[in-house]
Amino acid sequence: MEKKKYTQIGIFILLIALIAGALFYYFKVYKKTFEEPDYNSGPSSYFQRLKENPSYLIEENLLQIKSLSMVEYFRTRMLYHNYTNSSSPKQNFQAELERDFPGERGQVLMELLDAYLQFEKQKEKVLNDSDLDSYEKILKIEMLRIELFGENLDSLLYPKKDSETIERFYAYTSRYLKKHYTDMPRSKKIHLMKARHEIYGSDYERLYSLEPERLQFDLELKINERELSILNEYEKKQAIAELKEKMTRAE
């Protein structure tokens, strides 16, 4: 009887130990893998952790600095420090960040500044690459930016602008029309209408309404460039006037 009692106590103690071990594993190991990055721990890069989870920037109100977006703030302050002390603008700006944002927030901003300057350097190389057309440059710059910042951080630092989406479409039209100069105007229009829908997506109607009339008319001229080129000056003026009238009626 006594032996049975000790056996039951032993089993009870073993169960308690197993439960305690399971709880320890859950809270210290398993659950930790699902927690947000701890920006106060370890030597690992703030920037790398922001790429995984950029919520810190929202929580600390760092996306807007002195009424400017963070990227615009970096741009304008670097311009200022380049103008006032061209020998060490980055170091001066870093000192300013340390002064205005002491502690962790300043360290985060300095790492983001490094990434911003790295991207601007890559961007300048792409813009100066004469082997790329304007549409290819837009795609290349976007790819480099996402590779550097990651999709989550990129969408916060570089939110999509209507003007940039419109610019992308018109850059594509230049590329397409150059390659399909001899195609019939109707064929060009159908293709570019599909391209506009694809690039604008669900914002098609709104973005189309924001396109400057000048851009729309210039596109119409480029679509009909081959046909206009074989006309004499009088005929060309008449044809252009008809295109203008046709576009006005379509509005």
C-alpha atoms as a PDB file:
ATOM      1  CA  MET A   1       0.000   0.000   0.000  1.00  0.00           C
ATOM      2  CA  GLU A   2       2.830   2.340   1.009  1.00  0.00           C
ATOM      3  CA  LYS A   3       4.705   1.480  -2.191  1.00  0.00           C
ATOM      4  CA  LYS A   4       1.671   2.303  -4.336  1.00  0.00           C
ATOM      5  CA  LYS A   5       1.357   5.670  -2.610  1.00  0.00           C
ATOM      6  CA  TYR A   6       4.986   6.602  -3.421  1.00  0.00           C
ATOM      7  CA  THR A   7       4.475   5.504  -7.021  1.00  0.00           C
ATOM      8  CA  GLN A   8       1.484   7.823  -7.401  1.00  0.00           C
ATOM      9  CA  ILE A   9       3.448  10.709  -5.891  1.00  0.00           C
ATOM     10  CA  GLY A  10       6.304  10.013  -8.306  1.00  0.00           C
ATOM     11  CA  ILE A  11       3.955  10.005 -11.299  1.00  0.00           C
ATOM     12  CA  PHE A  12       2.375  13.267 -10.093  1.00  0.00           C
ATOM     13  CA  ILE A  13       5.793  14.944  -9.745  1.00  0.00           C
ATOM     14  CA  LEU A  14       6.769  13.697 -13.215  1.00  0.00           C
ATOM     15  CA  LEU A  15       3.583  15.156 -14.726  1.00  0.00           C
ATOM     16  CA  ILE A  16       4.236  18.506 -13.045  1.00  0.00           C
ATOM     17  CA  ALA A  17       7.781  18.503 -14.439  1.00  0.00           C
ATOM     18  CA  LEU A  18       6.539  17.702 -17.955  1.00  0.00           C
ATOM     19  CA  ILE A  19       3.921  20.476 -17.817  1.00  0.00           C
ATOM     20  CA  ALA A  20       6.489  22.959 -16.504  1.00  0.00           C
ATOM     21  CA  GLY A  21       8.889  21.978 -19.264  1.00  0.00           C
ATOM     22  CA  ALA A  22       6.193  22.371 -21.920  1.00  0.00           C
ATOM     23  CA  LEU A  23       5.253  25.823 -20.603  1.00  0.00           C
ATOM     24  CA  PHE A  24       8.908  26.873 -20.531  1.00  0.00           C
ATOM     25  CA  TYR A  25       9.364  25.747 -24.144  1.00  0.00           C
ATOM     26  CA  TYR A  26       6.211  27.552 -25.288  1.00  0.00           C
ATOM     27  CA  PHE A  27       6.978  30.916 -23.690  1.00  0.00           C
ATOM     28  CA  LYS A  28      10.770  30.955 -24.073  1.00  0.00           C
ATOM     29  CA  VAL A  29      11.318  29.210 -27.400  1.00  0.00           C
ATOM     30  CA  TYR A  30       8.210  28.585 -29.516  1.00  0.00           C
ATOM     31  CA  LYS A  31       6.353  31.815 -28.849  1.00  0.00           C
ATOM     32  CA  LYS A  32       9.492  33.918 -29.276  1.00  0.00           C
ATOM     33  CA  THR A  33       9.734  32.996 -32.934  1.00  0.00           C
ATOM     34  CA  PHE A  34       6.419  34.802 -33.556  1.00  0.00           C
ATOM     35  CA  GLU A  35       7.193  37.946 -31.602  1.00  0.00           C
ATOM     36  CA  GLU A  36       8.089  41.215 -33.302  1.00  0.00           C
ATOM     37  CA  PRO A  37      11.802  42.035 -33.611  1.00  0.00           C
ATOM     38  CA  ASP A  38      13.261  43.509 -30.418  1.00  0.00           C
ATOM     39  CA  TYR A  39      14.964  46.752 -31.404  1.00  0.00           C
ATOM     40  CA  ASN A  40      16.682  46.973 -28.026  1.00  0.00           C
ATOM     41  CA  SER A  41      18.500  43.649 -28.209  1.00  0.00           C
ATOM     42  CA  GLY A  42      21.781  42.449 -29.621  1.00  0.00           C
ATOM     43  CA  PRO A  43      24.257  43.938 -32.058  1.00  0.00           C
ATOM     44  CA  SER A  44      22.293  43.002 -35.188  1.00  0.00           C
ATOM     45  CA  SER A  45      21.576  45.815 -37.673  1.00  0.00           C
ATOM     46  CA  TYR A  46      18.552  47.999 -36.991  1.00  0.00           C
ATOM     47  CA  PHE A  47      18.119  48.272 -40.745  1.00  0.00           C
ATOM     48  CA  GLN A  48      17.901  44.502 -41.250  1.00  0.00           C
ATOM     49  CA  ARG A  49      15.252  44.247 -38.551  1.00  0.00           C
ATOM     50  CA  LEU A  50      13.306  47.136 -40.058  1.00  0.00           C
ATOM     51  CA  LYS A  51      13.256  45.304 -43.391  1.00  0.00           C
ATOM     52  CA  GLU A  52      11.544  42.382 -41.652  1.00  0.00           C
ATOM     53  CA  ASN A  53       9.171  44.514 -39.601  1.00  0.00           C
ATOM     54  CA  PRO A  54       9.101  48.302 -40.181  1.00  0.00           C
ATOM     55  CA  SER A  55       6.336  48.944 -37.617  1.00  0.00           C
ATOM     56  CA  TYR A  56       8.900  50.649 -35.330  1.00  0.00           C
ATOM     57  CA  LEU A  57       8.957  53.652 -37.687  1.00  0.00           C
ATOM     58  CA  ILE A  58       5.186  54.042 -37.348  1.00  0.00           C
ATOM     59  CA  GLU A  59       5.203  53.590 -33.571  1.00  0.00           C
ATOM     60  CA  GLU A  60       7.990  56.163 -33.150  1.00  0.00           C
ATOM     61  CA  ASN A  61       6.458  58.639 -35.642  1.00  0.00           C
ATOM     62  CA  LEU A  62       9.598  58.629 -37.788  1.00  0.00           C
ATOM     63  CA  LEU A  63       7.970  58.418 -41.208  1.00  0.00           C
ATOM     64  CA  GLN A  64       7.274  62.157 -40.996  1.00  0.00           C
ATOM     65  CA  ILE A  65      10.078  64.391 -39.700  1.00  0.00           C
ATOM     66  CA  LYS A  66       9.550  68.149 -39.385  1.00  0.00           C
ATOM     67  CA  SER A  67       6.529  67.994 -41.727  1.00  0.00           C
ATOM     68  CA  LEU A  68       8.488  66.099 -44.397  1.00  0.00           C
ATOM     69  CA  SER A  69       8.536  62.451 -45.361  1.00  0.00           C
ATOM     70  CA  MET A  70      11.663  60.729 -44.078  1.00  0.00           C
ATOM     71  CA  VAL A  71      13.107  60.389 -47.585  1.00  0.00           C
ATOM     72  CA  GLU A  72      12.451  64.061 -48.374  1.00  0.00           C
ATOM     73  CA  TYR A  73      13.945  65.017 -45.002  1.00  0.00           C
ATOM     74  CA  PHE A  74      17.116  63.066 -45.832  1.00  0.00           C
ATOM     75  CA  ARG A  75      17.278  64.653 -49.287  1.00  0.00           C
ATOM     76  CA  THR A  76      16.849  68.255 -48.132  1.00  0.00           C
ATOM     77  CA  ARG A  77      19.230  67.957 -45.165  1.00  0.00           C
ATOM     78  CA  MET A  78      21.922  66.339 -47.324  1.00  0.00           C
ATOM     79  CA  LEU A  79      21.529  69.211 -49.807  1.00  0.00           C
ATOM     80  CA  TYR A  80      21.930  71.662 -46.951  1.00  0.00           C
ATOM     81  CA  HIS A  81      25.060  69.974 -45.568  1.00  0.00           C
ATOM     82  CA  ASN A  82      26.544  69.630 -49.064  1.00  0.00           C
ATOM     83  CA  TYR A  83      26.066  73.365 -49.524  1.00  0.00           C
ATOM     84  CA  THR A  84      27.372  74.429 -46.099  1.00  0.00           C
ATOM     85  CA  ASN A  85      30.251  71.937 -45.818  1.00  0.00           C
ATOM     86  CA  SER A  86      30.934  69.918 -48.956  1.00  0.00           C
ATOM     87  CA  SER A  87      33.952  68.142 -47.407  1.00  0.00           C
ATOM     88  CA  SER A  88      31.961  66.056 -44.901  1.00  0.00           C
ATOM     89  CA  PRO A  89      28.189  66.459 -45.406  1.00  0.00           C
ATOM     90  CA  LYS A  90      27.286  62.946 -44.254  1.00  0.00           C
ATOM     91  CA  GLN A  91      29.258  63.202 -41.006  1.00  0.00           C
ATOM     92  CA  ASN A  92      27.679  66.575 -40.243  1.00  0.00           C
ATOM     93  CA  PHE A  93      24.202  65.239 -40.897  1.00  0.00           C
ATOM     94  CA  GLN A  94      24.892  62.201 -38.686  1.00  0.00           C
ATOM     95  CA  ALA A  95      25.975  64.536 -35.880  1.00  0.00           C
ATOM     96  CA  GLU A  96      22.724  66.455 -36.369  1.00  0.00           C
ATOM     97  CA  LEU A  97      20.698  63.235 -36.127  1.00  0.00           C
ATOM     98  CA  GLU A  98      22.515  62.207 -32.948  1.00  0.00           C
ATOM     99  CA  ARG A  99      21.740  65.600 -31.435  1.00  0.00           C
ATOM    100  CA  ASP A 100      18.090  65.804 -32.508  1.00  0.00           C
ATOM    101  CA  PHE A 101      17.276  62.099 -32.025  1.00  0.00           C
ATOM    102  CA  PRO A 102      19.334  60.799 -29.097  1.00  0.00           C
ATOM    103  CA  GLY A 103      19.547  57.085 -28.365  1.00  0.00           C
ATOM    104  CA  GLU A 104      17.929  54.330 -30.386  1.00  0.00           C
ATOM    105  CA  ARG A 105      15.884  56.580 -32.673  1.00  0.00           C
ATOM    106  CA  GLY A 106      19.019  58.341 -33.848  1.00  0.00           C
ATOM    107  CA  GLN A 107      20.793  55.038 -34.505  1.00  0.00           C
ATOM    108  CA  VAL A 108      17.828  53.818 -36.572  1.00  0.00           C
ATOM    109  CA  LEU A 109      17.794  57.028 -38.635  1.00  0.00           C
ATOM    110  CA  MET A 110      21.548  56.877 -39.244  1.00  0.00           C
ATOM    111  CA  GLU A 111      21.302  53.322 -40.588  1.00  0.00           C
ATOM    112  CA  LEU A 112      18.393  54.349 -42.791  1.00  0.00           C
ATOM    113  CA  LEU A 113      20.436  57.327 -44.003  1.00  0.00           C
ATOM    114  CA  ASP A 114      23.235  54.942 -45.018  1.00  0.00           C
ATOM    115  CA  ALA A 115      20.744  52.830 -46.986  1.00  0.00           C
ATOM    116  CA  TYR A 116      19.188  55.932 -48.576  1.00  0.00           C
ATOM    117  CA  LEU A 117      22.587  57.231 -49.726  1.00  0.00           C
ATOM    118  CA  GLN A 118      23.512  53.793 -51.065  1.00  0.00           C
ATOM    119  CA  PHE A 119      20.289  53.689 -53.078  1.00  0.00           C
ATOM    120  CA  GLU A 120      20.795  57.232 -54.410  1.00  0.00           C
ATOM    121  CA  LYS A 121      24.256  56.237 -55.628  1.00  0.00           C
ATOM    122  CA  GLN A 122      22.864  53.176 -57.427  1.00  0.00           C
ATOM    123  CA  LYS A 123      20.010  55.253 -58.832  1.00  0.00           C
ATOM    124  CA  GLU A 124      22.412  57.838 -60.281  1.00  0.00           C
ATOM    125  CA  LYS A 125      24.337  55.099 -62.100  1.00  0.00           C
ATOM    126  CA  VAL A 126      21.135  53.800 -63.675  1.00  0.00           C
ATOM    127  CA  LEU A 127      20.003  57.282 -64.729  1.00  0.00           C
ATOM    128  CA  ASN A 128      23.365  57.848 -66.423  1.00  0.00           C
ATOM    129  CA  ASP A 129      23.305  54.506 -68.241  1.00  0.00           C
ATOM    130  CA  SER A 130      22.897  55.412 -71.922  1.00  0.00           C
ATOM    131  CA  ASP A 131      22.175  51.779 -72.829  1.00  0.00           C
ATOM    132  CA  LEU A 132      18.811  51.898 -71.018  1.00  0.00           C
ATOM    133  CA  ASP A 133      15.709  53.717 -72.232  1.00  0.00           C
ATOM    134  CA  SER A 134      13.531  55.687 -69.800  1.00  0.00           C
ATOM    135  CA  TYR A 135      11.141  52.790 -69.180  1.00  0.00           C
ATOM    136  CA  GLU A 136      13.984  50.366 -68.471  1.00  0.00           C
ATOM    137  CA  LYS A 137      15.503  52.892 -66.070  1.00  0.00           C
ATOM    138  CA  ILE A 138      12.231  53.147 -64.125  1.00  0.00           C
ATOM    139  CA  LEU A 139      11.994  49.359 -63.807  1.00  0.00           C
ATOM    140  CA  LYS A 140      15.684  49.005 -62.875  1.00  0.00           C
ATOM    141  CA  ILE A 141      15.511  51.699 -60.182  1.00  0.00           C
ATOM    142  CA  GLU A 142      12.393  50.143 -58.673  1.00  0.00           C
ATOM    143  CA  MET A 143      14.029  46.709 -58.639  1.00  0.00           C
ATOM    144  CA  LEU A 144      17.193  48.045 -56.942  1.00  0.00           C
ATOM    145  CA  ARG A 145      15.111  49.911 -54.367  1.00  0.00           C
ATOM    146  CA  ILE A 146      13.063  46.848 -53.412  1.00  0.00           C
ATOM    147  CA  GLU A 147      16.187  44.685 -53.282  1.00  0.00           C
ATOM    148  CA  LEU A 148      17.815  47.122 -50.862  1.00  0.00           C
ATOM    149  CA  PHE A 149      14.870  48.036 -48.632  1.00  0.00           C
ATOM    150  CA  GLY A 150      12.633  44.992 -48.983  1.00  0.00           C
ATOM    151  CA  GLU A 151       8.974  45.242 -49.994  1.00  0.00           C
ATOM    152  CA  ASN A 152       7.577  46.145 -46.557  1.00  0.00           C
ATOM    153  CA  LEU A 153      10.012  48.947 -45.808  1.00  0.00           C
ATOM    154  CA  ASP A 154      10.021  50.174 -49.411  1.00  0.00           C
ATOM    155  CA  SER A 155       6.236  50.673 -49.435  1.00  0.00           C
ATOM    156  CA  LEU A 156       6.509  52.883 -46.330  1.00  0.00           C
ATOM    157  CA  LEU A 157       9.509  54.952 -47.417  1.00  0.00           C
ATOM    158  CA  TYR A 158       8.564  55.210 -51.096  1.00  0.00           C
ATOM    159  CA  PRO A 159       4.754  55.093 -51.337  1.00  0.00           C
ATOM    160  CA  LYS A 160       3.476  54.927 -54.902  1.00  0.00           C
ATOM    161  CA  LYS A 161       2.652  58.348 -56.369  1.00  0.00           C
ATOM    162  CA  ASP A 162       0.085  58.999 -59.100  1.00  0.00           C
ATOM    163  CA  SER A 163       2.587  61.087 -61.066  1.00  0.00           C
ATOM    164  CA  GLU A 164       5.105  58.224 -61.050  1.00  0.00           C
ATOM    165  CA  THR A 165       2.549  55.724 -62.347  1.00  0.00           C
ATOM    166  CA  ILE A 166       1.589  58.098 -65.161  1.00  0.00           C
ATOM    167  CA  GLU A 167       5.275  58.670 -65.921  1.00  0.00           C
ATOM    168  CA  ARG A 168       5.781  54.902 -66.125  1.00  0.00           C
ATOM    169  CA  PHE A 169       3.021  54.546 -68.727  1.00  0.00           C
ATOM    170  CA  TYR A 170       4.353  57.361 -70.915  1.00  0.00           C
ATOM    171  CA  ALA A 171       7.898  55.995 -70.649  1.00  0.00           C
ATOM    172  CA  TYR A 172       6.506  52.684 -71.901  1.00  0.00           C
ATOM    173  CA  THR A 173       4.746  54.405 -74.835  1.00  0.00           C
ATOM    174  CA  SER A 174       8.054  55.929 -75.998  1.00  0.00           C
ATOM    175  CA  ARG A 175       9.739  52.544 -75.864  1.00  0.00           C
ATOM    176  CA  TYR A 176       6.894  50.768 -77.676  1.00  0.00           C
ATOM    177  CA  LEU A 177       6.416  53.364 -80.421  1.00  0.00           C
ATOM    178  CA  LYS A 178      10.135  53.438 -81.181  1.00  0.00           C
ATOM    179  CA  LYS A 179      10.097  49.680 -81.763  1.00  0.00           C
ATOM    180  CA  HIS A 180       6.811  49.674 -83.720  1.00  0.00           C
ATOM    181  CA  TYR A 181       7.236  52.786 -85.836  1.00  0.00           C
ATOM    182  CA  THR A 182       5.842  51.169 -88.995  1.00  0.00           C
ATOM    183  CA  ASP A 183       2.738  49.629 -87.363  1.00  0.00           C
ATOM    184  CA  MET A 184      -0.676  51.044 -88.267  1.00  0.00           C
ATOM    185  CA  PRO A 185      -2.027  53.761 -85.896  1.00  0.00           C
ATOM    186  CA  ARG A 186      -5.041  51.633 -84.981  1.00  0.00           C
ATOM    187  CA  SER A 187      -2.787  48.741 -83.932  1.00  0.00           C
ATOM    188  CA  LYS A 188      -0.650  51.088 -81.824  1.00  0.00           C
ATOM    189  CA  LYS A 189      -3.697  52.596 -80.120  1.00  0.00           C
ATOM    190  CA  ILE A 190      -5.159  49.201 -79.209  1.00  0.00           C
ATOM    191  CA  HIS A 191      -1.860  48.015 -77.746  1.00  0.00           C
ATOM    192  CA  LEU A 192      -1.280  51.200 -75.745  1.00  0.00           C
ATOM    193  CA  MET A 193      -4.840  51.187 -74.423  1.00  0.00           C
ATOM    194  CA  LYS A 194      -4.213  47.675 -73.057  1.00  0.00           C
ATOM    195  CA  ALA A 195      -0.860  48.793 -71.622  1.00  0.00           C
ATOM    196  CA  ARG A 196      -2.502  51.768 -69.899  1.00  0.00           C
ATOM    197  CA  HIS A 197      -5.085  49.454 -68.301  1.00  0.00           C
ATOM    198  CA  GLU A 198      -2.344  47.073 -67.166  1.00  0.00           C
ATOM    199  CA  ILE A 199      -0.119  49.784 -65.655  1.00  0.00           C
ATOM    200  CA  TYR A 200      -2.949  51.767 -64.017  1.00  0.00           C
ATOM    201  CA  GLY A 201      -4.829  48.687 -62.823  1.00  0.00           C
ATOM    202  CA  SER A 202      -7.910  49.350 -60.689  1.00  0.00           C
ATOM    203  CA  ASP A 203      -7.035  53.091 -60.656  1.00  0.00           C
ATOM    204  CA  TYR A 204      -7.420  53.358 -64.438  1.00  0.00           C
ATOM    205  CA  GLU A 205     -10.273  55.887 -64.600  1.00  0.00           C
ATOM    206  CA  ARG A 206      -8.844  58.143 -61.891  1.00  0.00           C
ATOM    207  CA  LEU A 207      -5.277  58.125 -63.240  1.00  0.00           C
ATOM    208  CA  TYR A 208      -6.430  58.626 -66.823  1.00  0.00           C
ATOM    209  CA  SER A 209      -8.343  61.733 -65.713  1.00  0.00           C
ATOM    210  CA  LEU A 210      -5.130  63.066 -64.131  1.00  0.00           C
ATOM    211  CA  GLU A 211      -3.059  62.782 -67.307  1.00  0.00           C
ATOM    212  CA  PRO A 212      -2.086  66.240 -68.634  1.00  0.00           C
ATOM    213  CA  GLU A 213      -3.797  67.021 -71.936  1.00  0.00           C
ATOM    214  CA  ARG A 214      -0.432  67.967 -73.399  1.00  0.00           C
ATOM    215  CA  LEU A 215       0.891  64.436 -72.799  1.00  0.00           C
ATOM    216  CA  GLN A 216      -2.209  62.885 -74.308  1.00  0.00           C
ATOM    217  CA  PHE A 217      -1.968  65.044 -77.431  1.00  0.00           C
ATOM    218  CA  ASP A 218       1.774  64.434 -77.821  1.00  0.00           C
ATOM    219  CA  LEU A 219       1.076  60.700 -77.622  1.00  0.00           C
ATOM    220  CA  GLU A 220      -1.541  61.027 -80.352  1.00  0.00           C
ATOM    221  CA  LEU A 221       1.020  62.787 -82.560  1.00  0.00           C
ATOM    222  CA  LYS A 222       3.624  60.076 -81.937  1.00  0.00           C
ATOM    223  CA  ILE A 223       1.111  57.348 -82.774  1.00  0.00           C
ATOM    224  CA  ASN A 224       0.483  59.063 -86.118  1.00  0.00           C
ATOM    225  CA  GLU A 225       4.081  60.218 -86.648  1.00  0.00           C
ATOM    226  CA  ARG A 226       4.800  58.033 -89.699  1.00  0.00           C
ATOM    227  CA  GLU A 227       1.593  59.091 -91.476  1.00  0.00           C
ATOM    228  CA  LEU A 228       2.179  62.769 -90.682  1.00  0.00           C
ATOM    229  CA  SER A 229       5.762  62.629 -91.939  1.00  0.00           C
ATOM    230  CA  ILE A 230       4.715  62.004 -95.566  1.00  0.00           C
ATOM    231  CA  LEU A 231       2.388  65.036 -95.715  1.00  0.00           C
ATOM    232  CA  ASN A 232       3.331  68.514 -96.872  1.00  0.00           C
ATOM    233  CA  GLU A 233       3.173  71.384 -94.371  1.00  0.00           C
ATOM    234  CA  TYR A 234      -0.390  72.421 -95.223  1.00  0.00           C
ATOM    235  CA  GLU A 235      -1.704  68.851 -95.061  1.00  0.00           C
ATOM    236  CA  LYS A 236       0.164  68.241 -91.802  1.00  0.00           C
ATOM    237  CA  LYS A 237      -1.403  71.319 -90.177  1.00  0.00           C
ATOM    238  CA  GLN A 238      -4.843  70.182 -91.321  1.00  0.00           C
ATOM    239  CA  ALA A 239      -4.282  66.652 -90.005  1.00  0.00           C
ATOM    240  CA  ILE A 240      -3.033  67.918 -86.621  1.00  0.00           C
ATOM    241  CA  ALA A 241      -6.032  70.258 -86.320  1.00  0.00           C
ATOM    242  CA  GLU A 242      -8.338  67.295 -87.032  1.00  0.00           C
ATOM    243  CA  LEU A 243      -6.586  65.228 -84.342  1.00  0.00           C
ATOM    244  CA  LYS A 244      -7.080  68.065 -81.833  1.00  0.00           C
ATOM    245  CA  GLU A 245     -10.746  68.386 -82.710  1.00  0.00           C
ATOM    246  CA  LYS A 246     -11.232  64.635 -82.490  1.00  0.00           C
ATOM    247  CA  MET A 247      -9.665  64.520 -79.025  1.00  0.00           C
ATOM    248  CA  THR A 248     -11.778  67.470 -77.862  1.00  0.00           C
ATOM    249  CA  ARG A 249     -14.972  65.715 -78.992  1.00  0.00           C
ATOM    250  CA  ALA A 250     -13.927  62.524 -77.204  1.00  0.00           C
ATOM    251  CA  GLU A 251     -13.628  64.305 -73.817  1.00  0.00           C
END
